[in-house]
Amino acid sequence: IGYVSQEVKVSGKKELNVVLKEDTETLDEVVVVGFGTQKKVNLTGAVGLATAKELESRPVTSATQALQGLVPGLQISTSTGELDKTADISIRGTGTIGKGSSVSPLVLIDGMEGDINAINPQDIENISVLKDAASAAIYGSKASNGVILITTKRGKTGKPRISYNGYVGFQKPTEMIDRISSYDYARLYSQSMIDEGLNPRFNETDIENFRNGTSPNTDW
C-alpha cells in the first residue's frame, strides 16, 4: 500500500532485487497537517480528507458545496436557496468563545488564511479537515472550531492535459401571484374609498382611461 506496483520477469534468475517507488498519486494515504504532510495511518487525531477526484465529480459552483457529505462530522447548512448565498460550515457543532466570535472553522489555502468560497473547486488538489482540539495547539484560538487545510494543484511532469467543465444555474419563482389589471385596481380602489365614506381615488374618466389603456391626465 502506498507504492507503485511492478511486474518483473523471472527468466531463470535465482535472485531478484526489486525496489518499489512510492505512489505519490495515492492522496488517500497522505494528509496535510499543521506542520507539513503525514501519512494518515500514523495520525492519532481526527482528520477528514477529500481528494481532487471526489471534488471534480460533483456539479457544484463552490468548494463548500463540493465538501457536503464527503467528510464525516463536517456540517454544511444554508438558510436560503438563493444561488449567490454562501453556506455555513461547522465541524464540532455550534459553539462560540465569546460575544462576536465566529463558529466557522479556520480556512487555510496553501498555508495562508483565505475564503473557501473564493477558490475554484477545479483548482483544489486535496482538502484536509482537522476536527480535534489538538489543531488549536498549532493555530491558536482561531482553530477552536476546527481547521480546513486546502492544497491547490501544482504543475506535474508528463504530457499537457486540458479539461473543461461548465455548469449553468438559474433561479425562478416557484409561483407567480395573479395580479389584477390597472382598470380593476382603480375601480376597486375607488369603490373601497366610497364604502368608507371618502371621496373616490379615481373619477370615472380616469377609470375609463385605464380600461382603454391610456394614461389618465391627473396629478396622482
Protein backbone atom coordinates (compact mmCIF):
# COMPACT_ATOMS: atom_id res chain seq x y z
CA ILE A 1 0.00 0.00 0.00
CA GLY A 2 1.36 3.40 -0.95
CA TYR A 3 3.83 2.06 -3.55
CA VAL A 4 3.72 1.61 -7.32
CA SER A 5 3.21 -2.00 -8.42
CA GLN A 6 5.88 -3.70 -10.55
CA GLU A 7 5.92 -6.82 -12.71
CA VAL A 8 9.33 -8.48 -13.03
CA LYS A 9 10.08 -11.44 -15.30
CA VAL A 10 11.99 -14.19 -13.55
CA SER A 11 13.58 -15.60 -16.74
CA GLY A 12 15.54 -18.27 -14.86
CA LYS A 13 17.10 -15.85 -12.36
CA LYS A 14 17.80 -17.17 -8.89
CA GLU A 15 17.99 -13.77 -7.18
CA LEU A 16 15.80 -10.72 -7.78
CA ASN A 17 16.32 -7.23 -6.39
CA VAL A 18 13.10 -5.20 -6.56
CA VAL A 19 12.83 -1.61 -5.31
CA LEU A 20 9.32 -0.17 -5.17
CA LYS A 21 8.74 3.53 -5.76
CA GLU A 22 6.32 5.46 -3.56
CA ASP A 23 2.98 6.15 -5.20
CA THR A 24 2.70 9.95 -4.93
CA GLU A 25 -0.64 9.79 -6.72
CA THR A 26 -2.27 7.98 -3.77
CA LEU A 27 -3.56 11.01 -1.90
CA ASP A 28 -5.76 8.96 0.47
CA GLU A 29 -2.63 7.86 2.33
CA VAL A 30 -1.25 11.37 2.91
CA VAL A 31 -2.96 14.24 4.69
CA VAL A 32 -1.89 17.82 5.30
CA VAL A 33 -1.47 18.82 8.92
CA GLY A 34 -0.25 21.99 10.56
CA PHE A 35 3.41 21.07 10.39
CA GLY A 36 3.53 19.53 6.89
CA THR A 37 2.24 16.30 5.40
CA GLN A 38 1.92 12.99 7.17
CA LYS A 39 0.64 9.51 6.42
CA LYS A 40 -2.91 9.04 7.58
CA VAL A 41 -2.16 5.74 9.32
CA ASN A 42 0.34 7.50 11.60
CA LEU A 43 -2.10 10.12 12.86
CA THR A 44 -3.81 9.92 16.23
CA GLY A 45 -6.08 12.93 15.73
CA ALA A 46 -9.38 13.13 13.87
CA VAL A 47 -8.69 14.18 10.28
CA GLY A 48 -11.00 14.02 7.27
CA LEU A 49 -9.77 14.02 3.69
CA ALA A 50 -11.35 14.94 0.34
CA THR A 51 -9.38 14.44 -2.87
CA ALA A 52 -9.47 16.18 -6.23
CA LYS A 53 -11.10 13.13 -7.82
CA GLU A 54 -14.04 13.35 -5.42
CA LEU A 55 -14.41 17.12 -5.83
CA GLU A 56 -14.23 17.14 -9.64
CA SER A 57 -17.04 14.62 -9.99
CA ARG A 58 -19.58 16.97 -8.41
CA PRO A 59 -21.51 19.60 -10.42
CA VAL A 60 -21.07 22.45 -7.94
CA THR A 61 -20.14 26.11 -8.09
CA SER A 62 -18.13 26.38 -4.85
CA ALA A 63 -15.78 24.28 -2.75
CA THR A 64 -18.22 24.42 0.15
CA GLN A 65 -20.88 22.64 -1.88
CA ALA A 66 -18.31 20.09 -3.05
CA LEU A 67 -17.44 19.19 0.56
CA GLN A 68 -21.02 18.49 1.56
CA GLY A 69 -21.39 14.84 2.53
CA LEU A 70 -17.72 13.95 1.90
CA VAL A 71 -16.17 14.43 5.34
CA PRO A 72 -17.81 12.87 8.43
CA GLY A 73 -18.56 15.42 11.14
CA LEU A 74 -18.44 18.37 8.75
CA GLN A 75 -21.81 20.12 8.81
CA ILE A 76 -22.74 22.43 5.94
CA SER A 77 -26.07 24.24 6.09
CA THR A 78 -27.78 27.12 4.36
CA SER A 79 -30.77 29.19 5.36
CA THR A 80 -31.74 30.29 1.87
CA GLY A 81 -31.98 28.81 -1.59
CA GLU A 82 -30.53 31.80 -3.41
CA LEU A 83 -27.67 30.94 -5.76
CA ASP A 84 -25.40 33.77 -4.64
CA LYS A 85 -25.56 32.97 -0.92
CA THR A 86 -22.77 31.05 0.83
CA ALA A 87 -23.35 28.15 3.21
CA ASP A 88 -22.39 27.99 6.88
CA ILE A 89 -19.72 25.47 7.93
CA SER A 90 -19.30 23.89 11.35
CA ILE A 91 -17.13 20.95 12.39
CA ARG A 92 -17.89 20.10 16.00
CA GLY A 93 -21.36 21.56 16.27
CA THR A 94 -22.33 25.09 17.20
CA GLY A 95 -20.15 26.81 19.76
CA THR A 96 -18.52 30.18 20.49
CA ILE A 97 -15.68 31.50 22.60
CA GLY A 98 -17.31 34.83 23.36
CA LYS A 99 -19.56 37.54 22.01
CA GLY A 100 -18.88 38.39 18.37
CA SER A 101 -16.84 35.25 17.72
CA SER A 102 -17.36 33.07 14.68
CA VAL A 103 -18.42 29.42 14.75
CA SER A 104 -16.80 28.79 11.37
CA PRO A 105 -13.57 26.79 11.15
CA LEU A 106 -10.26 28.36 10.20
CA VAL A 107 -9.64 28.02 6.44
CA LEU A 108 -6.05 27.92 5.18
CA ILE A 109 -5.31 27.84 1.44
CA ASP A 110 -1.73 26.70 0.80
CA GLY A 111 -0.83 27.83 4.32
CA MET A 112 -2.48 31.26 4.09
CA GLU A 113 -5.81 32.20 5.63
CA GLY A 114 -8.47 32.65 2.94
CA ASP A 115 -12.07 32.24 1.86
CA ILE A 116 -13.14 28.75 0.82
CA ASN A 117 -15.85 30.20 -1.43
CA ALA A 118 -13.33 32.29 -3.38
CA ILE A 119 -11.40 29.32 -4.78
CA ASN A 120 -12.32 27.32 -7.85
CA PRO A 121 -13.14 23.69 -6.88
CA GLN A 122 -11.28 22.52 -10.00
CA ASP A 123 -8.04 24.06 -8.65
CA ILE A 124 -8.06 22.00 -5.45
CA GLU A 125 -5.71 19.03 -5.08
CA ASN A 126 -6.99 17.87 -1.70
CA ILE A 127 -8.68 19.15 1.45
CA SER A 128 -7.75 18.03 4.97
CA VAL A 129 -10.20 18.79 7.76
CA LEU A 130 -8.67 18.83 11.26
CA LYS A 131 -11.54 18.07 13.59
CA ASP A 132 -9.97 17.52 17.01
CA ALA A 133 -8.99 20.12 19.60
CA ALA A 134 -5.28 19.50 19.00
CA SER A 135 -5.40 21.83 15.99
CA ALA A 136 -5.77 24.77 18.37
CA ALA A 137 -2.30 24.00 19.74
CA ILE A 138 -0.83 24.86 16.32
CA TYR A 139 -3.06 27.67 15.06
CA GLY A 140 -4.31 29.22 18.31
CA SER A 141 -7.82 30.30 19.27
CA LYS A 142 -8.89 30.77 15.64
CA ALA A 143 -8.76 27.00 15.28
CA SER A 144 -11.05 26.32 18.24
CA ASN A 145 -13.80 25.33 15.78
CA GLY A 146 -11.53 23.19 13.60
CA VAL A 147 -9.28 23.81 10.61
CA ILE A 148 -9.80 23.26 6.89
CA LEU A 149 -6.49 22.96 5.01
CA ILE A 150 -6.75 23.35 1.24
CA THR A 151 -3.89 22.36 -1.05
CA THR A 152 -4.14 23.63 -4.62
CA LYS A 153 -2.90 21.83 -7.70
CA ARG A 154 0.67 22.27 -8.85
CA GLY A 155 2.48 21.56 -12.09
CA LYS A 156 3.34 17.92 -12.75
CA THR A 157 5.65 16.18 -15.17
CA GLY A 158 4.16 14.49 -18.21
CA LYS A 159 2.04 15.39 -21.19
CA PRO A 160 -0.14 18.52 -21.01
CA ARG A 161 -3.78 17.85 -20.28
CA ILE A 162 -6.60 20.31 -20.85
CA SER A 163 -10.07 19.75 -19.47
CA TYR A 164 -13.18 21.87 -19.28
CA ASN A 165 -16.31 21.55 -17.17
CA GLY A 166 -19.17 24.01 -17.50
CA TYR A 167 -22.34 24.28 -15.46
CA VAL A 168 -25.24 26.70 -15.77
CA GLY A 169 -27.64 27.59 -12.97
CA PHE A 170 -30.79 29.64 -12.91
CA GLN A 171 -33.46 30.60 -10.45
CA LYS A 172 -37.09 31.48 -10.88
CA PRO A 173 -40.06 31.97 -8.53
CA THR A 174 -41.97 28.82 -7.64
CA GLU A 175 -45.30 30.53 -8.17
CA MET A 176 -46.28 33.93 -9.52
CA ILE A 177 -49.05 35.94 -7.90
CA ASP A 178 -52.04 36.60 -10.13
CA ARG A 179 -52.44 40.35 -10.48
CA ILE A 180 -55.48 42.32 -11.50
CA SER A 181 -55.45 44.84 -14.32
CA SER A 182 -54.98 48.56 -13.77
CA TYR A 183 -58.64 49.09 -14.66
CA ASP A 184 -59.86 46.66 -11.99
CA TYR A 185 -57.42 48.09 -9.46
CA ALA A 186 -58.59 51.67 -10.00
CA ARG A 187 -62.26 50.65 -9.96
CA LEU A 188 -61.98 48.56 -6.76
CA TYR A 189 -59.75 51.11 -5.05
CA SER A 190 -62.24 53.93 -5.64
CA GLN A 191 -65.16 51.71 -4.58
CA SER A 192 -63.44 50.84 -1.30
CA MET A 193 -62.97 54.53 -0.51
CA ILE A 194 -66.64 55.24 -1.32
CA ASP A 195 -67.66 52.41 1.03
CA GLU A 196 -65.68 54.11 3.80
CA GLY A 197 -67.44 57.41 3.16
CA LEU A 198 -64.48 59.04 1.43
CA ASN A 199 -64.06 60.63 -1.97
CA PRO A 200 -63.06 58.11 -4.68
CA ARG A 201 -59.40 57.94 -5.57
CA PHE A 202 -60.13 57.90 -9.33
CA ASN A 203 -63.01 59.53 -11.18
CA GLU A 204 -64.98 57.88 -13.94
CA THR A 205 -62.82 59.44 -16.66
CA ASP A 206 -59.66 58.05 -15.07
CA ILE A 207 -61.18 54.59 -14.77
CA GLU A 208 -62.32 54.68 -18.38
CA ASN A 209 -58.81 55.68 -19.47
CA PHE A 210 -57.45 52.67 -17.59
CA ARG A 211 -59.89 50.46 -19.48
CA ASN A 212 -58.72 51.87 -22.81
CA GLY A 213 -55.05 51.55 -21.90
CA THR A 214 -54.30 55.28 -21.84
CA SER A 215 -52.75 57.25 -19.01
CA PRO A 216 -55.23 59.39 -17.03
CA ASN A 217 -54.45 63.11 -17.13
CA THR A 218 -54.33 63.63 -13.37
CA ASP A 219 -51.78 64.65 -10.74
CA TRP A 220 -51.97 61.45 -8.70
